[in-house]
């Protein structure tokens, strides 16, 4: 899903097929790469190169299909939401399986879910979704936390994973549909100092 969102951003920038492949790949594997490096693992796509091949294949498909998609930005946001939901749980699960604490697992889930999209937006000169005035990182954080809490209950049939993915996706979807966001910082007007009592900096 992240590879799709990366390719759709490439289409908005009118890049060539190589550009599509590059943006889709860094979006698709960026978060997992950071996660593996921080956890001290071998980077997953080095030993499993089919992940890179899949990202390139997705990029080329989107290259030919994108001109026929009427609302590409809307599709981009929903594809990104699906990727966000999946990767926040995958990152948290890998940290748990590696013996790290719940706190570290939640952080790994958040980084796995957001870092690829962050790289994508920076490279494509876009305002990163994580920095926009909307619910994004909060959804990934909630999804990872839900997974950790459900995992502690030893639920069967991967219900913990599904609960985490569902939590993230529902929160992100509500944000997209209703334009929800956390309150932003509101600065106070500057204070005027008398001329003879101005602070020295």
N, C-alpha and C. Protein backbone atom coordinates (compact mmCIF):
# COMPACT_ATOMS: atom_id res chain seq x y z
N UNK A 1 0.82 -1.21 0.00
CA UNK A 1 0.00 0.00 0.00
C UNK A 1 0.86 1.27 0.00
N UNK A 2 1.93 1.24 0.77
CA UNK A 2 2.80 2.40 0.78
C UNK A 2 3.45 2.61 -0.59
N UNK A 3 3.78 1.51 -1.27
CA UNK A 3 4.37 1.63 -2.60
C UNK A 3 3.37 2.29 -3.56
N UNK A 4 2.10 1.96 -3.41
CA UNK A 4 1.06 2.59 -4.24
C UNK A 4 1.00 4.08 -3.96
N UNK A 5 1.01 4.45 -2.69
CA UNK A 5 0.94 5.87 -2.35
C UNK A 5 2.17 6.61 -2.88
N UNK A 6 3.33 5.97 -2.81
CA UNK A 6 4.53 6.60 -3.35
C UNK A 6 4.45 6.81 -4.84
N UNK A 7 3.94 5.81 -5.55
CA UNK A 7 3.80 5.94 -7.00
C UNK A 7 2.77 7.01 -7.36
N UNK A 8 1.73 7.14 -6.57
CA UNK A 8 0.73 8.17 -6.85
C UNK A 8 1.29 9.57 -6.64
N UNK A 9 2.16 9.73 -5.64
CA UNK A 9 2.84 11.02 -5.48
C UNK A 9 3.73 11.29 -6.69
N UNK A 10 4.40 10.25 -7.17
CA UNK A 10 5.24 10.38 -8.36
C UNK A 10 4.41 10.82 -9.56
N UNK A 11 3.18 10.32 -9.65
CA UNK A 11 2.31 10.72 -10.76
C UNK A 11 1.91 12.19 -10.65
N UNK A 12 1.72 12.67 -9.43
CA UNK A 12 1.39 14.09 -9.24
C UNK A 12 2.55 14.97 -9.64
N UNK A 13 3.79 14.43 -9.52
CA UNK A 13 4.98 15.19 -9.88
C UNK A 13 5.39 14.96 -11.33
N UNK A 14 4.62 14.12 -12.05
CA UNK A 14 4.87 13.84 -13.47
C UNK A 14 6.27 13.28 -13.71
N UNK A 15 6.68 12.33 -12.88
CA UNK A 15 8.00 11.72 -13.01
C UNK A 15 7.99 10.63 -14.09
N UNK A 16 9.19 10.21 -14.50
CA UNK A 16 9.29 9.13 -15.48
C UNK A 16 9.22 7.78 -14.75
N UNK A 17 9.23 6.65 -15.49
CA UNK A 17 9.11 5.34 -14.83
C UNK A 17 10.18 5.08 -13.78
N UNK A 18 11.40 5.56 -14.01
CA UNK A 18 12.46 5.37 -13.01
C UNK A 18 12.12 6.14 -11.74
N UNK A 19 11.61 7.35 -11.90
CA UNK A 19 11.20 8.14 -10.74
C UNK A 19 10.07 7.46 -9.98
N UNK A 20 9.12 6.90 -10.73
CA UNK A 20 8.03 6.14 -10.09
C UNK A 20 8.59 5.01 -9.24
N UNK A 21 9.50 4.24 -9.84
CA UNK A 21 10.08 3.09 -9.13
C UNK A 21 10.84 3.53 -7.89
N UNK A 22 11.59 4.62 -8.00
CA UNK A 22 12.37 5.11 -6.87
C UNK A 22 11.47 5.55 -5.72
N UNK A 23 10.48 6.39 -6.02
CA UNK A 23 9.61 6.92 -4.97
C UNK A 23 8.77 5.81 -4.34
N UNK A 24 8.26 4.89 -5.17
CA UNK A 24 7.47 3.78 -4.63
C UNK A 24 8.31 2.89 -3.73
N UNK A 25 9.56 2.66 -4.12
CA UNK A 25 10.42 1.77 -3.33
C UNK A 25 10.83 2.39 -2.01
N UNK A 26 11.25 3.65 -2.02
CA UNK A 26 11.66 4.26 -0.75
C UNK A 26 10.47 4.42 0.19
N UNK A 27 9.28 4.60 -0.38
CA UNK A 27 8.09 4.69 0.46
C UNK A 27 7.75 3.32 1.05
N UNK A 28 7.85 2.29 0.22
CA UNK A 28 7.48 0.96 0.65
C UNK A 28 8.42 0.34 1.66
N UNK A 29 9.72 0.63 1.56
CA UNK A 29 10.69 -0.04 2.44
C UNK A 29 11.34 0.90 3.46
N UNK A 30 11.05 2.20 3.37
CA UNK A 30 11.74 3.16 4.24
C UNK A 30 11.50 2.93 5.71
N UNK A 31 10.24 2.77 6.11
CA UNK A 31 9.93 2.57 7.52
C UNK A 31 10.49 1.28 8.07
N UNK A 32 10.38 0.20 7.29
CA UNK A 32 10.92 -1.09 7.72
C UNK A 32 12.43 -1.07 7.83
N UNK A 33 13.08 -0.30 6.95
CA UNK A 33 14.54 -0.19 7.01
C UNK A 33 14.98 0.47 8.31
N UNK A 34 14.35 1.60 8.66
CA UNK A 34 14.68 2.28 9.92
C UNK A 34 14.41 1.36 11.11
N UNK A 35 13.28 0.68 11.09
CA UNK A 35 12.94 -0.25 12.18
C UNK A 35 14.02 -1.31 12.38
N UNK A 36 14.44 -1.95 11.28
CA UNK A 36 15.44 -3.01 11.39
C UNK A 36 16.78 -2.49 11.89
N UNK A 37 17.16 -1.30 11.43
CA UNK A 37 18.42 -0.73 11.88
C UNK A 37 18.38 -0.42 13.36
N UNK A 38 17.28 0.14 13.85
CA UNK A 38 17.17 0.49 15.26
C UNK A 38 17.08 -0.74 16.15
N UNK A 39 16.46 -1.81 15.64
CA UNK A 39 16.34 -3.04 16.43
C UNK A 39 17.58 -3.91 16.33
N UNK A 40 18.53 -3.52 15.48
CA UNK A 40 19.76 -4.29 15.35
C UNK A 40 19.61 -5.54 14.50
N UNK A 41 18.62 -5.55 13.61
CA UNK A 41 18.39 -6.69 12.72
C UNK A 41 19.06 -6.43 11.37
N UNK A 42 19.19 -7.49 10.59
CA UNK A 42 19.55 -7.31 9.20
C UNK A 42 18.38 -6.67 8.46
N UNK A 43 18.66 -5.72 7.59
CA UNK A 43 17.59 -5.02 6.87
C UNK A 43 16.83 -6.04 6.01
N UNK A 44 15.52 -6.07 6.17
CA UNK A 44 14.71 -7.16 5.61
C UNK A 44 14.82 -7.31 4.10
N UNK A 45 14.90 -6.20 3.37
CA UNK A 45 14.86 -6.31 1.91
C UNK A 45 16.21 -6.70 1.31
N UNK A 46 17.26 -6.67 2.11
CA UNK A 46 18.57 -7.11 1.61
C UNK A 46 18.56 -8.62 1.38
N UNK A 47 17.97 -9.35 2.32
CA UNK A 47 17.88 -10.81 2.19
C UNK A 47 16.63 -11.26 1.44
N UNK A 48 15.64 -10.38 1.35
CA UNK A 48 14.39 -10.72 0.68
C UNK A 48 14.12 -9.67 -0.40
N UNK A 49 14.87 -9.79 -1.47
CA UNK A 49 14.84 -8.76 -2.51
C UNK A 49 13.51 -8.69 -3.25
N UNK A 50 12.64 -9.67 -3.04
CA UNK A 50 11.35 -9.63 -3.73
C UNK A 50 10.51 -8.44 -3.27
N UNK A 51 10.81 -7.89 -2.07
CA UNK A 51 10.09 -6.70 -1.63
C UNK A 51 10.40 -5.51 -2.56
N UNK A 52 11.65 -5.38 -2.94
CA UNK A 52 12.03 -4.30 -3.86
C UNK A 52 11.39 -4.54 -5.23
N UNK A 53 11.42 -5.79 -5.69
CA UNK A 53 10.82 -6.13 -6.98
C UNK A 53 9.32 -5.82 -6.98
N UNK A 54 8.66 -6.11 -5.86
CA UNK A 54 7.23 -5.83 -5.75
C UNK A 54 6.95 -4.33 -5.81
N UNK A 55 7.77 -3.55 -5.14
CA UNK A 55 7.60 -2.09 -5.17
C UNK A 55 7.77 -1.55 -6.58
N UNK A 56 8.77 -2.04 -7.30
CA UNK A 56 9.00 -1.60 -8.67
C UNK A 56 7.83 -2.00 -9.57
N UNK A 57 7.33 -3.23 -9.40
CA UNK A 57 6.20 -3.70 -10.20
C UNK A 57 4.96 -2.84 -9.95
N UNK A 58 4.71 -2.53 -8.67
CA UNK A 58 3.57 -1.68 -8.33
C UNK A 58 3.74 -0.29 -8.96
N UNK A 59 4.95 0.24 -8.92
CA UNK A 59 5.21 1.56 -9.49
C UNK A 59 4.91 1.59 -10.99
N UNK A 60 5.33 0.55 -11.70
CA UNK A 60 5.10 0.52 -13.15
C UNK A 60 3.62 0.37 -13.48
N UNK A 61 2.91 -0.41 -12.65
CA UNK A 61 1.47 -0.56 -12.87
C UNK A 61 0.77 0.79 -12.68
N UNK A 62 1.12 1.49 -11.59
CA UNK A 62 0.52 2.79 -11.33
C UNK A 62 0.89 3.79 -12.41
N UNK A 63 2.10 3.68 -12.96
CA UNK A 63 2.53 4.58 -14.04
C UNK A 63 1.55 4.55 -15.21
N UNK A 64 1.05 3.36 -15.54
CA UNK A 64 0.13 3.22 -16.67
C UNK A 64 -1.33 3.43 -16.27
N UNK A 65 -1.64 3.19 -15.00
CA UNK A 65 -3.04 3.27 -14.56
C UNK A 65 -3.40 4.66 -14.06
N UNK A 66 -2.45 5.37 -13.48
CA UNK A 66 -2.73 6.66 -12.83
C UNK A 66 -3.47 7.66 -13.72
N UNK A 67 -3.14 7.76 -15.02
CA UNK A 67 -3.86 8.75 -15.85
C UNK A 67 -5.36 8.50 -15.93
N UNK A 68 -5.78 7.28 -15.62
CA UNK A 68 -7.19 6.94 -15.70
C UNK A 68 -7.90 7.05 -14.34
N UNK A 69 -7.16 7.43 -13.29
CA UNK A 69 -7.76 7.60 -11.96
C UNK A 69 -8.14 9.06 -11.81
N UNK A 70 -9.43 9.31 -11.61
CA UNK A 70 -9.92 10.68 -11.60
C UNK A 70 -9.49 11.43 -10.34
N UNK A 71 -9.59 10.78 -9.20
CA UNK A 71 -9.27 11.45 -7.94
C UNK A 71 -8.03 10.81 -7.32
N UNK A 72 -6.88 11.11 -7.92
CA UNK A 72 -5.65 10.45 -7.49
C UNK A 72 -5.25 10.81 -6.06
N UNK A 73 -5.46 12.06 -5.68
CA UNK A 73 -5.05 12.45 -4.33
C UNK A 73 -5.88 11.73 -3.27
N UNK A 74 -7.16 11.54 -3.56
CA UNK A 74 -8.02 10.82 -2.62
C UNK A 74 -7.57 9.36 -2.51
N UNK A 75 -7.25 8.75 -3.65
CA UNK A 75 -6.76 7.37 -3.63
C UNK A 75 -5.44 7.29 -2.88
N UNK A 76 -4.58 8.29 -3.07
CA UNK A 76 -3.29 8.34 -2.37
C UNK A 76 -3.50 8.33 -0.85
N UNK A 77 -4.42 9.16 -0.38
CA UNK A 77 -4.66 9.25 1.06
C UNK A 77 -5.16 7.94 1.64
N UNK A 78 -6.05 7.26 0.91
CA UNK A 78 -6.60 6.00 1.43
C UNK A 78 -5.58 4.87 1.34
N UNK A 79 -4.78 4.86 0.28
CA UNK A 79 -3.71 3.86 0.19
C UNK A 79 -2.70 4.08 1.31
N UNK A 80 -2.40 5.34 1.60
CA UNK A 80 -1.48 5.66 2.68
C UNK A 80 -2.07 5.25 4.03
N UNK A 81 -3.38 5.43 4.20
CA UNK A 81 -4.03 5.04 5.45
C UNK A 81 -3.94 3.53 5.66
N UNK A 82 -4.12 2.76 4.58
CA UNK A 82 -4.02 1.31 4.68
C UNK A 82 -2.59 0.89 5.04
N UNK A 83 -1.60 1.53 4.40
CA UNK A 83 -0.21 1.23 4.72
C UNK A 83 0.14 1.62 6.14
N UNK A 84 -0.36 2.76 6.58
CA UNK A 84 -0.12 3.22 7.94
C UNK A 84 -0.63 2.19 8.95
N UNK A 85 -1.82 1.67 8.70
CA UNK A 85 -2.45 0.72 9.61
C UNK A 85 -1.68 -0.60 9.67
N UNK A 86 -1.23 -1.06 8.53
CA UNK A 86 -0.51 -2.33 8.48
C UNK A 86 0.87 -2.22 9.11
N UNK A 87 1.59 -1.18 8.77
CA UNK A 87 2.98 -1.08 9.21
C UNK A 87 3.12 -0.73 10.68
N UNK A 88 2.13 -0.03 11.25
CA UNK A 88 2.25 0.29 12.68
C UNK A 88 2.18 -0.99 13.50
N UNK A 89 1.41 -1.98 13.03
CA UNK A 89 1.32 -3.25 13.74
C UNK A 89 2.52 -4.13 13.44
N UNK A 90 2.97 -4.17 12.19
CA UNK A 90 4.13 -4.99 11.84
C UNK A 90 5.37 -4.54 12.61
N UNK A 91 5.56 -3.23 12.70
CA UNK A 91 6.71 -2.72 13.43
C UNK A 91 6.65 -3.07 14.91
N UNK A 92 5.47 -2.91 15.51
CA UNK A 92 5.31 -3.24 16.92
C UNK A 92 5.49 -4.73 17.16
N UNK A 93 4.95 -5.54 16.28
CA UNK A 93 5.05 -7.00 16.45
C UNK A 93 6.49 -7.47 16.36
N UNK A 94 7.26 -6.91 15.44
CA UNK A 94 8.66 -7.32 15.31
C UNK A 94 9.44 -6.96 16.56
N UNK A 95 9.15 -5.80 17.14
CA UNK A 95 9.84 -5.40 18.37
C UNK A 95 9.49 -6.34 19.52
N UNK A 96 8.22 -6.71 19.62
CA UNK A 96 7.80 -7.63 20.67
C UNK A 96 8.47 -8.99 20.49
N UNK A 97 8.47 -9.49 19.27
CA UNK A 97 9.08 -10.79 19.00
C UNK A 97 10.59 -10.78 19.24
N UNK A 98 11.19 -9.59 19.20
CA UNK A 98 12.63 -9.47 19.45
C UNK A 98 12.94 -9.27 20.93
N UNK A 99 11.91 -9.27 21.77
CA UNK A 99 12.12 -9.18 23.20
C UNK A 99 12.16 -7.79 23.78
N UNK A 100 11.76 -6.78 23.01
CA UNK A 100 11.77 -5.41 23.51
C UNK A 100 10.50 -5.11 24.30
N UNK A 101 10.54 -4.05 25.08
CA UNK A 101 9.41 -3.68 25.92
C UNK A 101 8.26 -3.14 25.07
N UNK A 102 7.09 -3.02 25.71
CA UNK A 102 5.93 -2.48 25.02
C UNK A 102 6.14 -1.06 24.55
N UNK A 103 6.83 -0.26 25.35
CA UNK A 103 7.09 1.13 24.96
C UNK A 103 7.92 1.19 23.68
N UNK A 104 8.98 0.41 23.62
CA UNK A 104 9.82 0.38 22.42
C UNK A 104 9.02 -0.16 21.24
N UNK A 105 8.17 -1.14 21.49
CA UNK A 105 7.35 -1.71 20.42
C UNK A 105 6.42 -0.67 19.82
N UNK A 106 5.81 0.14 20.65
CA UNK A 106 4.92 1.20 20.16
C UNK A 106 5.71 2.21 19.33
N UNK A 107 6.90 2.57 19.81
CA UNK A 107 7.74 3.52 19.06
C UNK A 107 8.13 2.93 17.71
N UNK A 108 8.51 1.66 17.69
CA UNK A 108 8.88 1.02 16.44
C UNK A 108 7.69 0.96 15.48
N UNK A 109 6.51 0.72 16.03
CA UNK A 109 5.31 0.73 15.19
C UNK A 109 5.08 2.10 14.57
N UNK A 110 5.24 3.13 15.37
CA UNK A 110 5.05 4.50 14.87
C UNK A 110 6.07 4.84 13.79
N UNK A 111 7.34 4.51 14.03
CA UNK A 111 8.39 4.82 13.06
C UNK A 111 8.21 4.01 11.78
N UNK A 112 7.87 2.74 11.91
CA UNK A 112 7.67 1.89 10.73
C UNK A 112 6.55 2.43 9.86
N UNK A 113 5.51 2.97 10.51
CA UNK A 113 4.34 3.42 9.78
C UNK A 113 4.51 4.79 9.12
N UNK A 114 5.38 5.63 9.66
CA UNK A 114 5.44 7.01 9.20
C UNK A 114 6.70 7.39 8.44
N UNK A 115 7.80 6.64 8.63
CA UNK A 115 9.08 7.10 8.09
C UNK A 115 9.13 7.00 6.56
N UNK A 116 8.56 5.94 5.99
CA UNK A 116 8.57 5.83 4.54
C UNK A 116 7.82 6.97 3.87
N UNK A 117 6.65 7.30 4.41
CA UNK A 117 5.88 8.42 3.87
C UNK A 117 6.59 9.75 4.07
N UNK A 118 7.30 9.87 5.18
CA UNK A 118 8.06 11.09 5.44
C UNK A 118 9.15 11.28 4.38
N UNK A 119 9.89 10.21 4.09
CA UNK A 119 10.93 10.29 3.06
C UNK A 119 10.31 10.64 1.71
N UNK A 120 9.21 9.96 1.39
CA UNK A 120 8.51 10.22 0.13
C UNK A 120 8.17 11.68 -0.04
N UNK A 121 7.56 12.28 0.99
CA UNK A 121 7.11 13.66 0.88
C UNK A 121 8.28 14.64 0.83
N UNK A 122 9.34 14.36 1.58
CA UNK A 122 10.50 15.24 1.56
C UNK A 122 11.18 15.20 0.19
N UNK A 123 11.38 13.99 -0.35
CA UNK A 123 12.02 13.85 -1.66
C UNK A 123 11.19 14.52 -2.75
N UNK A 124 9.87 14.44 -2.63
CA UNK A 124 8.98 15.00 -3.65
C UNK A 124 8.58 16.44 -3.36
N UNK A 125 9.24 17.05 -2.36
CA UNK A 125 9.00 18.45 -2.02
C UNK A 125 7.54 18.71 -1.66
N UNK A 126 6.97 17.79 -0.88
CA UNK A 126 5.62 17.93 -0.38
C UNK A 126 5.68 18.18 1.13
N UNK A 127 4.66 18.82 1.68
CA UNK A 127 4.57 18.93 3.13
C UNK A 127 4.25 17.54 3.67
N UNK A 128 5.11 16.95 4.51
CA UNK A 128 4.87 15.59 4.99
C UNK A 128 3.51 15.46 5.69
N UNK A 129 2.82 14.35 5.41
CA UNK A 129 1.52 14.12 6.04
C UNK A 129 1.62 14.17 7.56
N UNK A 130 2.74 13.69 8.09
CA UNK A 130 2.90 13.63 9.54
C UNK A 130 2.95 15.03 10.16
N UNK A 131 3.26 16.06 9.36
CA UNK A 131 3.36 17.43 9.86
C UNK A 131 2.12 18.27 9.55
N UNK A 132 1.17 17.69 8.84
CA UNK A 132 -0.03 18.46 8.51
C UNK A 132 -1.01 18.46 9.67
N UNK A 133 -1.92 19.41 9.61
CA UNK A 133 -2.89 19.60 10.69
C UNK A 133 -4.03 18.59 10.55
N UNK A 134 -3.72 17.32 10.75
CA UNK A 134 -4.71 16.26 10.66
C UNK A 134 -4.23 15.06 11.47
N UNK A 135 -5.13 14.13 11.74
CA UNK A 135 -4.78 12.95 12.52
C UNK A 135 -4.03 11.97 11.63
N UNK A 136 -2.77 11.74 11.94
CA UNK A 136 -1.95 10.82 11.14
C UNK A 136 -1.08 9.98 12.07
N UNK A 137 -0.07 10.60 12.65
CA UNK A 137 0.80 9.87 13.57
C UNK A 137 0.01 9.36 14.77
N UNK A 138 -1.00 10.13 15.18
CA UNK A 138 -1.83 9.71 16.31
C UNK A 138 -2.52 8.38 16.02
N UNK A 139 -2.98 8.21 14.78
CA UNK A 139 -3.63 6.96 14.40
C UNK A 139 -2.66 5.80 14.46
N UNK A 140 -1.43 6.01 13.97
CA UNK A 140 -0.42 4.95 14.01
C UNK A 140 -0.05 4.61 15.44
N UNK A 141 0.07 5.62 16.28
CA UNK A 141 0.38 5.40 17.69
C UNK A 141 -0.73 4.59 18.37
N UNK A 142 -1.98 4.94 18.09
CA UNK A 142 -3.10 4.23 18.68
C UNK A 142 -3.16 2.79 18.19
N UNK A 143 -2.88 2.57 16.91
CA UNK A 143 -2.89 1.21 16.37
C UNK A 143 -1.83 0.34 17.00
N UNK A 144 -0.62 0.87 17.14
CA UNK A 144 0.46 0.11 17.75
C UNK A 144 0.15 -0.18 19.22
N UNK A 145 -0.39 0.80 19.91
CA UNK A 145 -0.73 0.62 21.32
C UNK A 145 -1.85 -0.42 21.49
N UNK A 146 -2.85 -0.36 20.62
CA UNK A 146 -3.93 -1.34 20.68
C UNK A 146 -3.40 -2.75 20.46
N UNK A 147 -2.47 -2.89 19.52
CA UNK A 147 -1.88 -4.21 19.28
C UNK A 147 -1.15 -4.72 20.53
N UNK A 148 -0.35 -3.86 21.16
CA UNK A 148 0.40 -4.26 22.35
C UNK A 148 -0.54 -4.70 23.47
N UNK A 149 -1.61 -3.93 23.67
CA UNK A 149 -2.56 -4.26 24.73
C UNK A 149 -3.29 -5.57 24.44
N UNK A 150 -3.70 -5.76 23.19
CA UNK A 150 -4.40 -7.00 22.84
C UNK A 150 -3.46 -8.20 22.84
N UNK A 151 -2.21 -7.97 22.47
CA UNK A 151 -1.23 -9.05 22.46
C UNK A 151 -1.01 -9.60 23.86
N UNK A 152 -1.10 -8.74 24.85
CA UNK A 152 -0.90 -9.18 26.23
C UNK A 152 -2.01 -10.10 26.71
N UNK A 153 -3.14 -10.12 25.98
CA UNK A 153 -4.26 -10.97 26.34
C UNK A 153 -4.18 -12.36 25.70
N UNK A 154 -3.16 -12.56 24.86
CA UNK A 154 -2.95 -13.86 24.18
C UNK A 154 -4.20 -14.30 23.41
N UNK A 155 -4.73 -13.40 22.61
CA UNK A 155 -5.93 -13.72 21.83
C UNK A 155 -5.59 -14.65 20.67
N UNK A 156 -6.53 -15.50 20.25
CA UNK A 156 -6.27 -16.43 19.14
C UNK A 156 -6.50 -15.78 17.77
N UNK A 157 -6.10 -16.48 16.73
CA UNK A 157 -6.42 -16.13 15.34
C UNK A 157 -5.96 -14.73 14.94
N UNK A 158 -4.82 -14.32 15.44
CA UNK A 158 -4.26 -13.02 15.06
C UNK A 158 -5.21 -11.85 15.34
N UNK A 159 -6.04 -12.00 16.36
CA UNK A 159 -6.98 -10.93 16.69
C UNK A 159 -6.27 -9.68 17.17
N UNK A 160 -5.11 -9.84 17.79
CA UNK A 160 -4.36 -8.66 18.24
C UNK A 160 -3.92 -7.83 17.05
N UNK A 161 -3.39 -8.51 16.02
CA UNK A 161 -2.96 -7.79 14.82
C UNK A 161 -4.14 -7.10 14.14
N UNK A 162 -5.24 -7.83 14.00
CA UNK A 162 -6.41 -7.25 13.34
C UNK A 162 -6.98 -6.08 14.15
N UNK A 163 -6.94 -6.20 15.48
CA UNK A 163 -7.41 -5.11 16.32
C UNK A 163 -6.57 -3.87 16.18
N UNK A 164 -5.24 -4.04 16.12
CA UNK A 164 -4.35 -2.90 15.94
C UNK A 164 -4.53 -2.24 14.59
N UNK A 165 -4.60 -3.06 13.55
CA UNK A 165 -4.79 -2.52 12.20
C UNK A 165 -6.12 -1.79 12.11
N UNK A 166 -7.17 -2.41 12.65
CA UNK A 166 -8.49 -1.79 12.60
C UNK A 166 -8.55 -0.49 13.37
N UNK A 167 -7.92 -0.45 14.53
CA UNK A 167 -7.90 0.77 15.33
C UNK A 167 -7.27 1.93 14.58
N UNK A 168 -6.10 1.67 14.01
CA UNK A 168 -5.40 2.71 13.25
C UNK A 168 -6.23 3.17 12.06
N UNK A 169 -6.77 2.23 11.31
CA UNK A 169 -7.50 2.59 10.08
C UNK A 169 -8.76 3.38 10.40
N UNK A 170 -9.49 2.97 11.43
CA UNK A 170 -10.73 3.68 11.78
C UNK A 170 -10.43 5.11 12.21
N UNK A 171 -9.39 5.28 13.02
CA UNK A 171 -9.05 6.64 13.49
C UNK A 171 -8.61 7.51 12.32
N UNK A 172 -7.77 6.94 11.45
CA UNK A 172 -7.32 7.71 10.28
C UNK A 172 -8.48 8.00 9.35
N UNK A 173 -9.38 7.03 9.17
CA UNK A 173 -10.53 7.23 8.30
C UNK A 173 -11.45 8.32 8.83
N UNK A 174 -11.68 8.32 10.13
CA UNK A 174 -12.51 9.37 10.72
C UNK A 174 -11.88 10.75 10.52
N UNK A 175 -10.55 10.79 10.62
CA UNK A 175 -9.86 12.05 10.39
C UNK A 175 -10.02 12.52 8.95
N UNK A 176 -9.93 11.59 8.00
CA UNK A 176 -10.05 11.95 6.59
C UNK A 176 -11.48 12.37 6.24
N UNK A 177 -12.46 11.62 6.73
CA UNK A 177 -13.85 11.87 6.36
C UNK A 177 -14.39 13.14 7.00
N UNK A 178 -14.05 13.33 8.28
CA UNK A 178 -14.63 14.45 9.02
C UNK A 178 -13.66 15.61 9.23
N UNK A 179 -12.46 15.49 8.70
CA UNK A 179 -11.50 16.57 8.84
C UNK A 179 -11.06 16.81 10.27
N UNK A 180 -10.98 15.73 11.06
CA UNK A 180 -10.60 15.85 12.46
C UNK A 180 -9.10 16.10 12.60
N UNK A 181 -8.74 16.79 13.64
CA UNK A 181 -7.32 17.03 13.93
C UNK A 181 -7.18 17.37 15.39
N UNK A 182 -5.98 17.18 15.92
CA UNK A 182 -5.69 17.61 17.28
C UNK A 182 -5.52 19.12 17.29
N UNK A 183 -5.82 19.77 18.42
CA UNK A 183 -5.69 21.23 18.46
C UNK A 183 -4.24 21.66 18.30
N UNK A 184 -4.02 22.63 17.45
CA UNK A 184 -2.67 23.15 17.23
C UNK A 184 -2.30 24.18 18.29
N UNK A 185 -1.01 24.45 18.36
CA UNK A 185 -0.51 25.45 19.30
C UNK A 185 -0.94 26.85 18.88
N UNK A 186 -1.44 27.63 19.83
CA UNK A 186 -1.84 29.00 19.55
C UNK A 186 -0.91 29.96 20.29
N UNK A 187 -0.04 30.63 19.56
CA UNK A 187 0.92 31.52 20.23
C UNK A 187 0.23 32.75 20.80
N UNK A 188 0.78 33.26 21.90
CA UNK A 188 0.28 34.51 22.47
C UNK A 188 0.97 35.68 21.80
N UNK A 189 0.29 36.79 21.81
CA UNK A 189 0.90 37.99 21.22
C UNK A 189 2.12 38.38 22.03
N UNK A 190 3.11 38.96 21.36
CA UNK A 190 4.36 39.31 22.02
C UNK A 190 4.16 40.36 23.12
N UNK A 191 4.95 40.24 24.16
CA UNK A 191 4.86 41.18 25.27
C UNK A 191 5.77 42.37 25.02
N UNK A 192 5.26 43.55 25.25
CA UNK A 192 6.05 44.77 25.08
C UNK A 192 6.79 45.09 26.38
N UNK A 193 8.10 45.30 26.28
CA UNK A 193 8.91 45.65 27.45
C UNK A 193 9.20 47.15 27.42
N UNK A 194 9.19 47.77 28.58
CA UNK A 194 9.62 49.19 28.62
C UNK A 194 11.04 49.33 28.09
N UNK A 195 11.34 50.48 27.54
CA UNK A 195 12.65 50.68 26.90
C UNK A 195 13.79 50.50 27.87
N UNK A 196 13.61 50.87 29.14
CA UNK A 196 14.73 50.77 30.07
C UNK A 196 14.77 49.44 30.80
N UNK A 197 13.83 48.55 30.51
CA UNK A 197 13.81 47.24 31.18
C UNK A 197 13.82 46.08 30.20
N UNK A 198 14.33 46.30 29.02
CA UNK A 198 14.36 45.23 28.04
C UNK A 198 15.34 44.14 28.47
N UNK A 199 14.95 42.88 28.36
CA UNK A 199 15.88 41.81 28.74
C UNK A 199 17.04 41.73 27.77
N UNK A 200 18.19 41.40 28.28
CA UNK A 200 19.37 41.27 27.45
C UNK A 200 19.54 39.79 27.03
N UNK A 201 19.80 39.58 25.73
CA UNK A 201 19.96 38.22 25.19
C UNK A 201 21.38 38.04 24.68
